[in-house]
PDB file of N, CA and C in Angstrom:
ATOM      1  N   UNK A   1      21.715  18.141  12.488  1.00  0.00           N
ATOM      2  CA  UNK A   1      20.774  17.249  11.833  1.00  0.00           C
ATOM      3  C   UNK A   1      20.221  16.262  12.860  1.00  0.00           C
ATOM      4  N   UNK A   2      18.945  15.970  12.770  1.00  0.00           N
ATOM      5  CA  UNK A   2      18.283  15.054  13.695  1.00  0.00           C
ATOM      6  C   UNK A   2      18.606  13.605  13.363  1.00  0.00           C
ATOM      7  N   UNK A   3      18.636  12.785  14.397  1.00  0.00           N
ATOM      8  CA  UNK A   3      18.817  11.350  14.186  1.00  0.00           C
ATOM      9  C   UNK A   3      17.455  10.717  13.900  1.00  0.00           C
ATOM     10  N   UNK A   4      17.496   9.523  13.382  1.00  0.00           N
ATOM     11  CA  UNK A   4      16.243   8.796  13.118  1.00  0.00           C
ATOM     12  C   UNK A   4      15.435   8.662  14.406  1.00  0.00           C
ATOM     13  N   UNK A   5      16.106   8.361  15.487  1.00  0.00           N
ATOM     14  CA  UNK A   5      15.420   8.204  16.769  1.00  0.00           C
ATOM     15  C   UNK A   5      14.721   9.496  17.186  1.00  0.00           C
ATOM     16  N   UNK A   6      15.376  10.627  17.008  1.00  0.00           N
ATOM     17  CA  UNK A   6      14.773  11.909  17.352  1.00  0.00           C
ATOM     18  C   UNK A   6      13.574  12.207  16.460  1.00  0.00           C
ATOM     19  N   UNK A   7      13.724  11.923  15.179  1.00  0.00           N
ATOM     20  CA  UNK A   7      12.613  12.143  14.243  1.00  0.00           C
ATOM     21  C   UNK A   7      11.437  11.257  14.621  1.00  0.00           C
ATOM     22  N   UNK A   8      11.719   9.992  14.926  1.00  0.00           N
ATOM     23  CA  UNK A   8      10.652   9.051  15.282  1.00  0.00           C
ATOM     24  C   UNK A   8       9.912   9.532  16.529  1.00  0.00           C
ATOM     25  N   UNK A   9      10.647   9.989  17.519  1.00  0.00           N
ATOM     26  CA  UNK A   9      10.001  10.483  18.741  1.00  0.00           C
ATOM     27  C   UNK A   9       9.095  11.667  18.446  1.00  0.00           C
ATOM     28  N   UNK A  10       9.534  12.558  17.573  1.00  0.00           N
ATOM     29  CA  UNK A  10       8.713  13.702  17.205  1.00  0.00           C
ATOM     30  C   UNK A  10       7.477  13.266  16.423  1.00  0.00           C
ATOM     31  N   UNK A  11       7.663  12.343  15.502  1.00  0.00           N
ATOM     32  CA  UNK A  11       6.549  11.859  14.684  1.00  0.00           C
ATOM     33  C   UNK A  11       5.503  11.178  15.557  1.00  0.00           C
ATOM     34  N   UNK A  12       5.943  10.412  16.540  1.00  0.00           N
ATOM     35  CA  UNK A  12       4.995   9.702  17.404  1.00  0.00           C
ATOM     36  C   UNK A  12       4.158  10.649  18.253  1.00  0.00           C
ATOM     37  N   UNK A  13       4.576  11.887  18.364  1.00  0.00           N
ATOM     38  CA  UNK A  13       3.796  12.880  19.105  1.00  0.00           C
ATOM     39  C   UNK A  13       2.757  13.592  18.236  1.00  0.00           C
ATOM     40  N   UNK A  14       2.799  13.355  16.928  1.00  0.00           N
ATOM     41  CA  UNK A  14       1.839  13.982  16.021  1.00  0.00           C
ATOM     42  C   UNK A  14       0.453  13.388  16.213  1.00  0.00           C
ATOM     43  N   UNK A  15      -0.580  14.134  15.861  1.00  0.00           N
ATOM     44  CA  UNK A  15      -1.938  13.574  15.890  1.00  0.00           C
ATOM     45  C   UNK A  15      -2.052  12.386  14.931  1.00  0.00           C
ATOM     46  N   UNK A  16      -2.979  11.515  15.222  1.00  0.00           N
ATOM     47  CA  UNK A  16      -3.166  10.290  14.453  1.00  0.00           C
ATOM     48  C   UNK A  16      -3.315  10.556  12.958  1.00  0.00           C
ATOM     49  N   UNK A  17      -4.131  11.515  12.578  1.00  0.00           N
ATOM     50  CA  UNK A  17      -4.336  11.792  11.150  1.00  0.00           C
ATOM     51  C   UNK A  17      -3.043  12.209  10.468  1.00  0.00           C
ATOM     52  N   UNK A  18      -2.234  12.992  11.150  1.00  0.00           N
ATOM     53  CA  UNK A  18      -0.952  13.408  10.585  1.00  0.00           C
ATOM     54  C   UNK A  18      -0.013  12.209  10.430  1.00  0.00           C
ATOM     55  N   UNK A  19      -0.011  11.332  11.425  1.00  0.00           N
ATOM     56  CA  UNK A  19       0.833  10.126  11.329  1.00  0.00           C
ATOM     57  C   UNK A  19       0.369   9.234  10.185  1.00  0.00           C
ATOM     58  N   UNK A  20      -0.932   9.095  10.019  1.00  0.00           N
ATOM     59  CA  UNK A  20      -1.462   8.267   8.925  1.00  0.00           C
ATOM     60  C   UNK A  20      -1.047   8.841   7.570  1.00  0.00           C
ATOM     61  N   UNK A  21      -1.142  10.161   7.448  1.00  0.00           N
ATOM     62  CA  UNK A  21      -0.738  10.815   6.205  1.00  0.00           C
ATOM     63  C   UNK A  21       0.751  10.584   5.957  1.00  0.00           C
ATOM     64  N   UNK A  22       1.544  10.738   6.996  1.00  0.00           N
ATOM     65  CA  UNK A  22       2.983  10.538   6.871  1.00  0.00           C
ATOM     66  C   UNK A  22       3.303   9.106   6.447  1.00  0.00           C
ATOM     67  N   UNK A  23       2.621   8.145   7.030  1.00  0.00           N
ATOM     68  CA  UNK A  23       2.830   6.739   6.657  1.00  0.00           C
ATOM     69  C   UNK A  23       2.536   6.533   5.176  1.00  0.00           C
ATOM     70  N   UNK A  24       1.440   7.085   4.710  1.00  0.00           N
ATOM     71  CA  UNK A  24       1.093   6.899   3.297  1.00  0.00           C
ATOM     72  C   UNK A  24       2.147   7.518   2.392  1.00  0.00           C
ATOM     73  N   UNK A  25       2.661   8.692   2.778  1.00  0.00           N
ATOM     74  CA  UNK A  25       3.699   9.344   1.984  1.00  0.00           C
ATOM     75  C   UNK A  25       5.008   8.558   2.026  1.00  0.00           C
ATOM     76  N   UNK A  26       5.348   8.008   3.177  1.00  0.00           N
ATOM     77  CA  UNK A  26       6.566   7.200   3.280  1.00  0.00           C
ATOM     78  C   UNK A  26       6.465   5.947   2.407  1.00  0.00           C
ATOM     79  N   UNK A  27       5.307   5.325   2.411  1.00  0.00           N
ATOM     80  CA  UNK A  27       5.114   4.133   1.574  1.00  0.00           C
ATOM     81  C   UNK A  27       5.247   4.505   0.109  1.00  0.00           C
ATOM     82  N   UNK A  28       4.655   5.629  -0.274  1.00  0.00           N
ATOM     83  CA  UNK A  28       4.785   6.092  -1.660  1.00  0.00           C
ATOM     84  C   UNK A  28       6.249   6.332  -2.026  1.00  0.00           C
ATOM     85  N   UNK A  29       7.032   6.806  -1.060  1.00  0.00           N
ATOM     86  CA  UNK A  29       8.432   7.130  -1.338  1.00  0.00           C
ATOM     87  C   UNK A  29       9.296   5.900  -1.538  1.00  0.00           C
ATOM     88  N   UNK A  30       8.783   4.742  -1.211  1.00  0.00           N
ATOM     89  CA  UNK A  30       9.554   3.507  -1.344  1.00  0.00           C
ATOM     90  C   UNK A  30       9.540   2.952  -2.758  1.00  0.00           C
ATOM     91  N   UNK A  31       8.958   3.693  -3.664  1.00  0.00           N
ATOM     92  CA  UNK A  31       8.863   3.246  -5.051  1.00  0.00           C
ATOM     93  C   UNK A  31      10.257   3.011  -5.611  1.00  0.00           C
ATOM     94  N   UNK A  32      10.573   1.747  -5.800  1.00  0.00           N
ATOM     95  CA  UNK A  32      11.878   1.385  -6.359  1.00  0.00           C
ATOM     96  C   UNK A  32      11.674   0.476  -7.566  1.00  0.00           C
ATOM     97  N   UNK A  33      10.732   0.860  -8.387  1.00  0.00           N
ATOM     98  CA  UNK A  33      10.362   0.110  -9.583  1.00  0.00           C
ATOM     99  C   UNK A  33       9.654  -1.203  -9.267  1.00  0.00           C
ATOM    100  N   UNK A  34       9.370  -1.427  -8.002  1.00  0.00           N
ATOM    101  CA  UNK A  34       8.570  -2.600  -7.631  1.00  0.00           C
ATOM    102  C   UNK A  34       7.302  -2.061  -6.982  1.00  0.00           C
ATOM    103  N   UNK A  35       6.209  -2.264  -7.628  1.00  0.00           N
ATOM    104  CA  UNK A  35       4.951  -1.783  -7.072  1.00  0.00           C
ATOM    105  C   UNK A  35       4.430  -2.790  -6.067  1.00  0.00           C
ATOM    106  N   UNK A  36       3.724  -2.266  -5.080  1.00  0.00           N
ATOM    107  CA  UNK A  36       3.070  -3.156  -4.134  1.00  0.00           C
ATOM    108  C   UNK A  36       1.911  -3.837  -4.842  1.00  0.00           C
ATOM    109  N   UNK A  37       1.693  -5.075  -4.478  1.00  0.00           N
ATOM    110  CA  UNK A  37       0.594  -5.812  -5.086  1.00  0.00           C
ATOM    111  C   UNK A  37      -0.733  -5.177  -4.691  1.00  0.00           C
ATOM    112  N   UNK A  38      -1.760  -5.399  -5.477  1.00  0.00           N
ATOM    113  CA  UNK A  38      -3.086  -4.868  -5.113  1.00  0.00           C
ATOM    114  C   UNK A  38      -3.535  -5.364  -3.738  1.00  0.00           C
ATOM    115  N   UNK A  39      -3.150  -6.589  -3.393  1.00  0.00           N
ATOM    116  CA  UNK A  39      -3.530  -7.142  -2.088  1.00  0.00           C
ATOM    117  C   UNK A  39      -2.887  -6.344  -0.954  1.00  0.00           C
ATOM    118  N   UNK A  40      -1.602  -6.001  -1.117  1.00  0.00           N
ATOM    119  CA  UNK A  40      -0.922  -5.209  -0.094  1.00  0.00           C
ATOM    120  C   UNK A  40      -1.508  -3.806  -0.022  1.00  0.00           C
ATOM    121  N   UNK A  41      -1.805  -3.212  -1.137  1.00  0.00           N
ATOM    122  CA  UNK A  41      -2.399  -1.878  -1.129  1.00  0.00           C
ATOM    123  C   UNK A  41      -3.756  -1.898  -0.435  1.00  0.00           C
ATOM    124  N   UNK A  42      -4.551  -2.955  -0.690  1.00  0.00           N
ATOM    125  CA  UNK A  42      -5.847  -3.089  -0.011  1.00  0.00           C
ATOM    126  C   UNK A  42      -5.652  -3.213   1.497  1.00  0.00           C
ATOM    127  N   UNK A  43      -4.668  -4.017   1.903  1.00  0.00           N
ATOM    128  CA  UNK A  43      -4.394  -4.203   3.329  1.00  0.00           C
ATOM    129  C   UNK A  43      -3.942  -2.900   3.983  1.00  0.00           C
ATOM    130  N   UNK A  44      -3.070  -2.182   3.324  1.00  0.00           N
ATOM    131  CA  UNK A  44      -2.597  -0.901   3.853  1.00  0.00           C
ATOM    132  C   UNK A  44      -3.758   0.078   3.987  1.00  0.00           C
ATOM    133  N   UNK A  45      -4.577   0.157   2.957  1.00  0.00           N
ATOM    134  CA  UNK A  45      -5.734   1.051   2.984  1.00  0.00           C
ATOM    135  C   UNK A  45      -6.668   0.684   4.131  1.00  0.00           C
ATOM    136  N   UNK A  46      -6.893  -0.610   4.321  1.00  0.00           N
ATOM    137  CA  UNK A  46      -7.769  -1.079   5.386  1.00  0.00           C
ATOM    138  C   UNK A  46      -7.191  -0.719   6.761  1.00  0.00           C
ATOM    139  N   UNK A  47      -5.891  -0.915   6.939  1.00  0.00           N
ATOM    140  CA  UNK A  47      -5.274  -0.616   8.230  1.00  0.00           C
ATOM    141  C   UNK A  47      -5.292   0.874   8.534  1.00  0.00           C
ATOM    142  N   UNK A  48      -5.015   1.698   7.537  1.00  0.00           N
ATOM    143  CA  UNK A  48      -5.051   3.144   7.741  1.00  0.00           C
ATOM    144  C   UNK A  48      -6.470   3.573   8.103  1.00  0.00           C
ATOM    145  N   UNK A  49      -7.459   3.029   7.420  1.00  0.00           N
ATOM    146  CA  UNK A  49      -8.850   3.373   7.712  1.00  0.00           C
ATOM    147  C   UNK A  49      -9.223   2.964   9.138  1.00  0.00           C
ATOM    148  N   UNK A  50      -8.771   1.798   9.582  1.00  0.00           N
ATOM    149  CA  UNK A  50      -9.043   1.347  10.954  1.00  0.00           C
ATOM    150  C   UNK A  50      -8.425   2.299  11.968  1.00  0.00           C
ATOM    151  N   UNK A  51      -7.216   2.750  11.705  1.00  0.00           N
ATOM    152  CA  UNK A  51      -6.550   3.679  12.620  1.00  0.00           C
ATOM    153  C   UNK A  51      -7.281   5.022  12.643  1.00  0.00           C
ATOM    154  N   UNK A  52      -7.637   5.516  11.464  1.00  0.00           N
ATOM    155  CA  UNK A  52      -8.290   6.821  11.388  1.00  0.00           C
ATOM    156  C   UNK A  52      -9.671   6.809  12.025  1.00  0.00           C
ATOM    157  N   UNK A  53     -10.369   5.680  11.926  1.00  0.00           N
ATOM    158  CA  UNK A  53     -11.713   5.593  12.485  1.00  0.00           C
ATOM    159  C   UNK A  53     -11.713   5.317  13.982  1.00  0.00           C
ATOM    160  N   UNK A  54     -10.550   4.935  14.517  1.00  0.00           N
ATOM    161  CA  UNK A  54     -10.474   4.604  15.933  1.00  0.00           C
ATOM    162  C   UNK A  54     -10.801   3.152  16.212  1.00  0.00           C
ATOM    163  N   UNK A  55     -11.065   2.380  15.156  1.00  0.00           N
ATOM    164  CA  UNK A  55     -11.388   0.962  15.328  1.00  0.00           C
ATOM    165  C   UNK A  55     -10.205   0.202  15.923  1.00  0.00           C
ATOM    166  N   UNK A  56      -9.007   0.552  15.511  1.00  0.00           N
ATOM    167  CA  UNK A  56      -7.819  -0.034  16.119  1.00  0.00           C
ATOM    168  C   UNK A  56      -7.085   1.080  16.846  1.00  0.00           C
ATOM    169  N   UNK A  57      -6.499   0.734  17.964  1.00  0.00           N
ATOM    170  CA  UNK A  57      -5.832   1.728  18.781  1.00  0.00           C
ATOM    171  C   UNK A  57      -4.330   1.483  18.768  1.00  0.00           C
ATOM    172  N   UNK A  58      -3.611   2.551  18.987  1.00  0.00           N
ATOM    173  CA  UNK A  58      -2.159   2.408  19.065  1.00  0.00           C
ATOM    174  C   UNK A  58      -1.780   1.945  20.460  1.00  0.00           C
ATOM    175  N   UNK A  59      -0.574   1.459  20.560  1.00  0.00           N
ATOM    176  CA  UNK A  59      -0.044   1.027  21.845  1.00  0.00           C
ATOM    177  C   UNK A  59       1.317   1.700  21.999  1.00  0.00           C
ATOM    178  N   UNK A  60       1.599   2.156  23.186  1.00  0.00           N
ATOM    179  CA  UNK A  60       2.885   2.803  23.437  1.00  0.00           C
ATOM    180  C   UNK A  60       4.011   1.806  23.188  1.00  0.00           C
ATOM    181  N   UNK A  61       5.078   2.298  22.638  1.00  0.00           N
ATOM    182  CA  UNK A  61       6.219   1.444  22.309  1.00  0.00           C
ATOM    183  C   UNK A  61       6.703   0.681  23.539  1.00  0.00           C
ATOM    184  N   UNK A  62       6.759   1.358  24.674  1.00  0.00           N
ATOM    185  CA  UNK A  62       7.226   0.716  25.903  1.00  0.00           C
ATOM    186  C   UNK A  62       6.310  -0.446  26.295  1.00  0.00           C
ATOM    187  N   UNK A  63       4.997  -0.237  26.155  1.00  0.00           N
ATOM    188  CA  UNK A  63       4.044  -1.304  26.471  1.00  0.00           C
ATOM    189  C   UNK A  63       4.198  -2.476  25.515  1.00  0.00           C
ATOM    190  N   UNK A  64       4.393  -2.168  24.240  1.00  0.00           N
ATOM    191  CA  UNK A  64       4.593  -3.224  23.250  1.00  0.00           C
ATOM    192  C   UNK A  64       5.839  -4.028  23.575  1.00  0.00           C
ATOM    193  N   UNK A  65       6.932  -3.352  23.891  1.00  0.00           N
ATOM    194  CA  UNK A  65       8.175  -4.052  24.232  1.00  0.00           C
ATOM    195  C   UNK A  65       7.978  -4.933  25.457  1.00  0.00           C
ATOM    196  N   UNK A  66       7.245  -4.427  26.451  1.00  0.00           N
ATOM    197  CA  UNK A  66       6.966  -5.207  27.657  1.00  0.00           C
ATOM    198  C   UNK A  66       6.178  -6.475  27.313  1.00  0.00           C
ATOM    199  N   UNK A  67       5.171  -6.334  26.449  1.00  0.00           N
ATOM    200  CA  UNK A  67       4.368  -7.493  26.050  1.00  0.00           C
ATOM    201  C   UNK A  67       5.206  -8.519  25.296  1.00  0.00           C
ATOM    202  N   UNK A  68       6.051  -8.043  24.394  1.00  0.00           N
ATOM    203  CA  UNK A  68       6.909  -8.955  23.621  1.00  0.00           C
ATOM    204  C   UNK A  68       7.883  -9.676  24.545  1.00  0.00           C
ATOM    205  N   UNK A  69       8.494  -8.928  25.451  1.00  0.00           N
ATOM    206  CA  UNK A  69       9.432  -9.552  26.388  1.00  0.00           C
ATOM    207  C   UNK A  69       8.734 -10.582  27.245  1.00  0.00           C
ATOM    208  N   UNK A  70       7.505 -10.325  27.661  1.00  0.00           N
ATOM    209  CA  UNK A  70       6.763 -11.291  28.469  1.00  0.00           C
ATOM    210  C   UNK A  70       6.525 -12.582  27.702  1.00  0.00           C
ATOM    211  N   UNK A  71       6.307 -12.461  26.402  1.00  0.00           N
ATOM    212  CA  UNK A  71       6.086 -13.649  25.583  1.00  0.00           C
ATOM    213  C   UNK A  71       7.397 -14.409  25.358  1.00  0.00           C
ATOM    214  N   UNK A  72       8.456 -13.675  25.103  1.00  0.00           N
ATOM    215  CA  UNK A  72       9.739 -14.298  24.755  1.00  0.00           C
ATOM    216  C   UNK A  72      10.501 -14.849  25.940  1.00  0.00           C
ATOM    217  N   UNK A  73      10.348 -14.220  27.080  1.00  0.00           N
ATOM    218  CA  UNK A  73      11.175 -14.634  28.235  1.00  0.00           C
ATOM    219  C   UNK A  73      10.328 -15.280  29.254  1.00  0.00           C
TER     220      UNK A  73
END
């Protein structure tokens, strides 16, 4: 069985559209009798659309960690 880390590494190699679809399905799977507010759903929809359109770009995890460390330390 794969570890979460292994699954995450594989998922991050998927094309953007596939990752966006996966994110939407994962969010749907979190249904625990608490629905997301309409505001959160609007925000999620907006962010997914930005990613799919190329308006916002992803950043490599290593680069993100480097940026955070530069701010914190």
